[in-house]
C-alpha atoms as a PDB file:
ATOM      1  CA  MET A   1      -7.199  21.360  69.553  1.00  0.00           C
ATOM      2  CA  PRO A   2      -6.796  22.210  65.391  1.00  0.00           C
ATOM      3  CA  LEU A   3      -9.570  24.731  64.115  1.00  0.00           C
ATOM      4  CA  THR A   4     -11.600  23.543  61.641  1.00  0.00           C
ATOM      5  CA  GLU A   5     -11.057  25.163  58.461  1.00  0.00           C
ATOM      6  CA  ALA A   6     -14.440  26.749  58.946  1.00  0.00           C
ATOM      7  CA  HIS A   7     -13.682  28.349  62.477  1.00  0.00           C
ATOM      8  CA  THR A   8     -10.342  29.422  60.850  1.00  0.00           C
ATOM      9  CA  ILE A   9     -12.483  31.346  58.154  1.00  0.00           C
ATOM     10  CA  ALA A  10     -15.134  32.630  60.611  1.00  0.00           C
ATOM     11  CA  ASP A  11     -12.261  34.230  62.708  1.00  0.00           C
ATOM     12  CA  LEU A  12     -10.405  35.679  59.773  1.00  0.00           C
ATOM     13  CA  VAL A  13     -13.257  37.504  58.494  1.00  0.00           C
ATOM     14  CA  SER A  14     -14.308  38.385  61.801  1.00  0.00           C
ATOM     15  CA  ARG A  15     -12.848  41.928  61.718  1.00  0.00           C
ATOM     16  CA  PRO A  16     -10.818  44.260  59.421  1.00  0.00           C
ATOM     17  CA  ARG A  17      -7.032  43.596  59.263  1.00  0.00           C
ATOM     18  CA  THR A  18      -4.054  44.387  57.141  1.00  0.00           C
ATOM     19  CA  VAL A  19      -3.852  42.043  54.372  1.00  0.00           C
ATOM     20  CA  ALA A  20      -0.734  41.812  52.205  1.00  0.00           C
ATOM     21  CA  VAL A  21      -2.038  40.862  48.659  1.00  0.00           C
ATOM     22  CA  VAL A  22       0.643  39.006  46.794  1.00  0.00           C
ATOM     23  CA  GLY A  23       0.111  39.076  43.247  1.00  0.00           C
ATOM     24  CA  LEU A  24      -2.152  42.100  43.295  1.00  0.00           C
ATOM     25  CA  SER A  25      -3.291  43.374  39.659  1.00  0.00           C
ATOM     26  CA  PRO A  26      -3.136  47.080  39.055  1.00  0.00           C
ATOM     27  CA  LYS A  27      -6.073  46.006  36.649  1.00  0.00           C
ATOM     28  CA  PRO A  28      -9.742  46.480  37.301  1.00  0.00           C
ATOM     29  CA  HIS A  29     -10.980  43.535  35.421  1.00  0.00           C
ATOM     30  CA  ARG A  30      -8.733  41.106  37.531  1.00  0.00           C
ATOM     31  CA  GLU A  31     -10.124  39.189  40.242  1.00  0.00           C
ATOM     32  CA  SER A  32      -7.456  40.384  42.225  1.00  0.00           C
ATOM     33  CA  PHE A  33      -8.470  43.709  42.053  1.00  0.00           C
ATOM     34  CA  LYS A  34     -12.009  43.296  42.798  1.00  0.00           C
ATOM     35  CA  VAL A  35     -11.654  41.155  45.871  1.00  0.00           C
ATOM     36  CA  ALA A  36      -8.984  43.858  47.200  1.00  0.00           C
ATOM     37  CA  GLN A  37     -11.143  46.476  46.488  1.00  0.00           C
ATOM     38  CA  TYR A  38     -13.999  44.980  48.377  1.00  0.00           C
ATOM     39  CA  MET A  39     -12.197  44.232  50.850  1.00  0.00           C
ATOM     40  CA  GLN A  40     -10.946  47.563  51.186  1.00  0.00           C
ATOM     41  CA  ARG A  41     -14.360  48.989  51.369  1.00  0.00           C
ATOM     42  CA  GLN A  42     -14.689  46.889  54.199  1.00  0.00           C
ATOM     43  CA  GLY A  43     -12.598  48.910  56.018  1.00  0.00           C
ATOM     44  CA  TRP A  44      -9.605  46.456  55.592  1.00  0.00           C
ATOM     45  CA  ARG A  45      -6.415  47.752  54.743  1.00  0.00           C
ATOM     46  CA  ILE A  46      -4.705  46.529  51.856  1.00  0.00           C
ATOM     47  CA  VAL A  47      -1.154  46.055  51.190  1.00  0.00           C
ATOM     48  CA  PRO A  48      -0.235  45.028  47.247  1.00  0.00           C
ATOM     49  CA  ILE A  49       2.263  42.759  46.274  1.00  0.00           C
ATOM     50  CA  ASN A  50       3.750  43.049  43.010  1.00  0.00           C
ATOM     51  CA  PRO A  51       7.110  42.505  41.584  1.00  0.00           C
ATOM     52  CA  ASN A  52       6.378  43.140  38.043  1.00  0.00           C
ATOM     53  CA  VAL A  53       4.420  46.163  38.491  1.00  0.00           C
ATOM     54  CA  ASN A  54       5.215  49.290  36.495  1.00  0.00           C
ATOM     55  CA  PRO A  55       7.187  51.503  39.455  1.00  0.00           C
ATOM     56  CA  ASN A  56       5.748  54.333  37.907  1.00  0.00           C
ATOM     57  CA  ALA A  57       2.337  53.364  38.570  1.00  0.00           C
ATOM     58  CA  SER A  58       3.820  52.602  42.438  1.00  0.00           C
ATOM     59  CA  GLU A  59      -0.049  52.521  43.877  1.00  0.00           C
ATOM     60  CA  ILE A  60      -3.031  49.989  43.613  1.00  0.00           C
ATOM     61  CA  LEU A  61      -5.861  51.245  45.250  1.00  0.00           C
ATOM     62  CA  GLY A  62      -3.992  53.929  46.499  1.00  0.00           C
ATOM     63  CA  GLU A  63      -1.884  51.950  48.697  1.00  0.00           C
ATOM     64  CA  LYS A  64       1.818  51.839  48.035  1.00  0.00           C
ATOM     65  CA  VAL A  65       2.949  48.863  45.856  1.00  0.00           C
ATOM     66  CA  TYR A  66       6.053  46.617  47.703  1.00  0.00           C
ATOM     67  CA  THR A  67       7.907  43.955  46.020  1.00  0.00           C
ATOM     68  CA  SER A  68       7.906  41.463  48.414  1.00  0.00           C
ATOM     69  CA  LEU A  69       6.073  40.099  51.767  1.00  0.00           C
ATOM     70  CA  THR A  70       9.935  40.906  52.996  1.00  0.00           C
ATOM     71  CA  GLU A  71      10.107  44.809  51.922  1.00  0.00           C
ATOM     72  CA  ALA A  72       6.350  45.040  53.464  1.00  0.00           C
ATOM     73  CA  ALA A  73       6.871  43.486  56.427  1.00  0.00           C
ATOM     74  CA  ALA A  74       9.748  46.093  57.064  1.00  0.00           C
ATOM     75  CA  VAL A  75       7.052  48.879  57.220  1.00  0.00           C
ATOM     76  CA  GLU A  76       3.743  47.285  57.656  1.00  0.00           C
ATOM     77  CA  LYS A  77       2.486  44.925  60.367  1.00  0.00           C
ATOM     78  CA  ILE A  78       1.083  41.729  58.255  1.00  0.00           C
ATOM     79  CA  GLU A  79      -1.899  40.366  59.596  1.00  0.00           C
ATOM     80  CA  LEU A  80      -3.080  38.539  57.042  1.00  0.00           C
ATOM     81  CA  VAL A  81      -1.184  36.879  53.518  1.00  0.00           C
ATOM     82  CA  ASN A  82      -3.749  36.423  50.771  1.00  0.00           C
ATOM     83  CA  VAL A  83      -2.515  34.779  47.398  1.00  0.00           C
ATOM     84  CA  PHE A  84      -3.552  35.610  43.885  1.00  0.00           C
ATOM     85  CA  ARG A  85      -0.401  33.145  42.463  1.00  0.00           C
ATOM     86  CA  ASN A  86      -0.679  29.691  40.700  1.00  0.00           C
ATOM     87  CA  SER A  87      -0.261  26.946  43.037  1.00  0.00           C
ATOM     88  CA  ASP A  88       2.993  25.828  42.060  1.00  0.00           C
ATOM     89  CA  ASP A  89       4.026  29.494  42.909  1.00  0.00           C
ATOM     90  CA  VAL A  90       2.735  29.277  46.700  1.00  0.00           C
ATOM     91  CA  PRO A  91       6.026  27.445  48.110  1.00  0.00           C
ATOM     92  CA  PRO A  92       8.222  30.554  48.333  1.00  0.00           C
ATOM     93  CA  VAL A  93       5.051  32.965  49.471  1.00  0.00           C
ATOM     94  CA  VAL A  94       4.838  30.337  52.211  1.00  0.00           C
ATOM     95  CA  ASP A  95       8.250  30.570  53.172  1.00  0.00           C
ATOM     96  CA  GLU A  96       8.303  34.220  53.020  1.00  0.00           C
ATOM     97  CA  ALA A  97       5.165  34.666  54.936  1.00  0.00           C
ATOM     98  CA  ILE A  98       6.827  32.377  57.841  1.00  0.00           C
ATOM     99  CA  ALA A  99      10.138  34.065  58.018  1.00  0.00           C
ATOM    100  CA  ILE A 100       8.354  37.695  58.221  1.00  0.00           C
ATOM    101  CA  GLY A 101       6.042  36.111  61.116  1.00  0.00           C
ATOM    102  CA  ALA A 102       2.522  36.514  59.544  1.00  0.00           C
ATOM    103  CA  PRO A 103      -0.094  35.270  61.585  1.00  0.00           C
ATOM    104  CA  ALA A 104      -2.287  33.609  58.699  1.00  0.00           C
ATOM    105  CA  LEU A 105      -2.291  33.031  54.997  1.00  0.00           C
ATOM    106  CA  TRP A 106      -5.293  32.506  52.472  1.00  0.00           C
ATOM    107  CA  LEU A 107      -4.434  30.647  49.121  1.00  0.00           C
ATOM    108  CA  GLN A 108      -7.712  32.464  46.491  1.00  0.00           C
ATOM    109  CA  LEU A 109      -9.999  30.317  44.751  1.00  0.00           C
ATOM    110  CA  GLY A 110      -8.732  27.675  42.769  1.00  0.00           C
ATOM    111  CA  ILE A 111      -5.395  27.954  44.351  1.00  0.00           C
ATOM    112  CA  ARG A 112      -3.928  24.262  46.361  1.00  0.00           C
ATOM    113  CA  HIS A 113      -0.918  23.732  47.563  1.00  0.00           C
ATOM    114  CA  ASP A 114      -1.197  20.872  50.456  1.00  0.00           C
ATOM    115  CA  ALA A 115       2.397  20.537  51.416  1.00  0.00           C
ATOM    116  CA  ALA A 116       3.122  24.082  51.729  1.00  0.00           C
ATOM    117  CA  LEU A 117      -0.186  25.003  53.974  1.00  0.00           C
ATOM    118  CA  ALA A 118       1.153  21.792  55.755  1.00  0.00           C
ATOM    119  CA  GLN A 119       4.398  23.465  56.415  1.00  0.00           C
ATOM    120  CA  ALA A 120       2.328  27.160  57.129  1.00  0.00           C
ATOM    121  CA  GLN A 121       0.007  25.338  59.382  1.00  0.00           C
ATOM    122  CA  ALA A 122       3.233  23.447  61.153  1.00  0.00           C
ATOM    123  CA  ALA A 123       5.075  26.824  62.085  1.00  0.00           C
ATOM    124  CA  GLY A 124       1.416  28.126  63.406  1.00  0.00           C
ATOM    125  CA  LEU A 125      -0.105  29.977  61.038  1.00  0.00           C
ATOM    126  CA  GLN A 126      -3.900  29.998  60.414  1.00  0.00           C
ATOM    127  CA  CYS A 127      -4.379  28.815  56.910  1.00  0.00           C
ATOM    128  CA  VAL A 128      -7.180  28.675  54.327  1.00  0.00           C
ATOM    129  CA  GLN A 129      -6.998  27.046  50.671  1.00  0.00           C
ATOM    130  CA  ASP A 130      -8.889  27.332  47.736  1.00  0.00           C
ATOM    131  CA  LYS A 131     -11.702  29.572  49.014  1.00  0.00           C
ATOM    132  CA  CYS A 132     -12.390  33.665  48.238  1.00  0.00           C
ATOM    133  CA  LEU A 133     -12.297  36.052  50.898  1.00  0.00           C
ATOM    134  CA  LEU A 134     -14.750  37.951  49.280  1.00  0.00           C
ATOM    135  CA  VAL A 135     -16.982  34.890  48.958  1.00  0.00           C
ATOM    136  CA  GLU A 136     -16.485  34.043  52.547  1.00  0.00           C
ATOM    137  CA  HIS A 137     -16.483  37.688  53.807  1.00  0.00           C
ATOM    138  CA  ALA A 138     -19.850  38.785  52.048  1.00  0.00           C
ATOM    139  CA  ARG A 139     -21.359  35.386  53.441  1.00  0.00           C
ATOM    140  CA  SER A 140     -20.139  35.831  57.043  1.00  0.00           C
ATOM    141  CA  GLN A 141     -21.991  39.541  56.434  1.00  0.00           C
ATOM    142  CA  GLY A 142     -25.532  37.930  55.412  1.00  0.00           C
ATOM    143  CA  GLN A 143     -24.365  39.360  51.943  1.00  0.00           C
ATOM    144  CA  ALA A 144     -25.021  37.305  48.969  1.00  0.00           C
ATOM    145  CA  HIS A 145     -21.825  37.763  46.372  1.00  0.00           C
ATOM    146  CA  GLY A 146     -20.494  35.628  43.864  1.00  0.00           C
END
């Protein structure tokens, strides 16, 4: 029996994980940076994925930046793929998440792609879309955030 989205969220935020953050910006004012920094402070391991980052600034939040999930997965065990990309950019990220054997996919608030999500679910990934990981984690901890 498939889990409801609420159950999936509860499971995914229940313990620290190694999360690949696709589209993580090195700019502190960007939502991707704020969410990743929060999760890092909660004990999560952040694996930045950003093909456009300056090679001379190859770390974000003290972690090595990778150009792709495939590159990161060769070195890191990815437990969750957290996506900060435009909805139209989601299908290739889903293809790559499936290819590396990622167990879970999270599309941040405002990001929806039903067909790609269905593909990920069919491949066995736990999936959440159009929700903020920071907000859902804080809610699970009884913290107000937003």
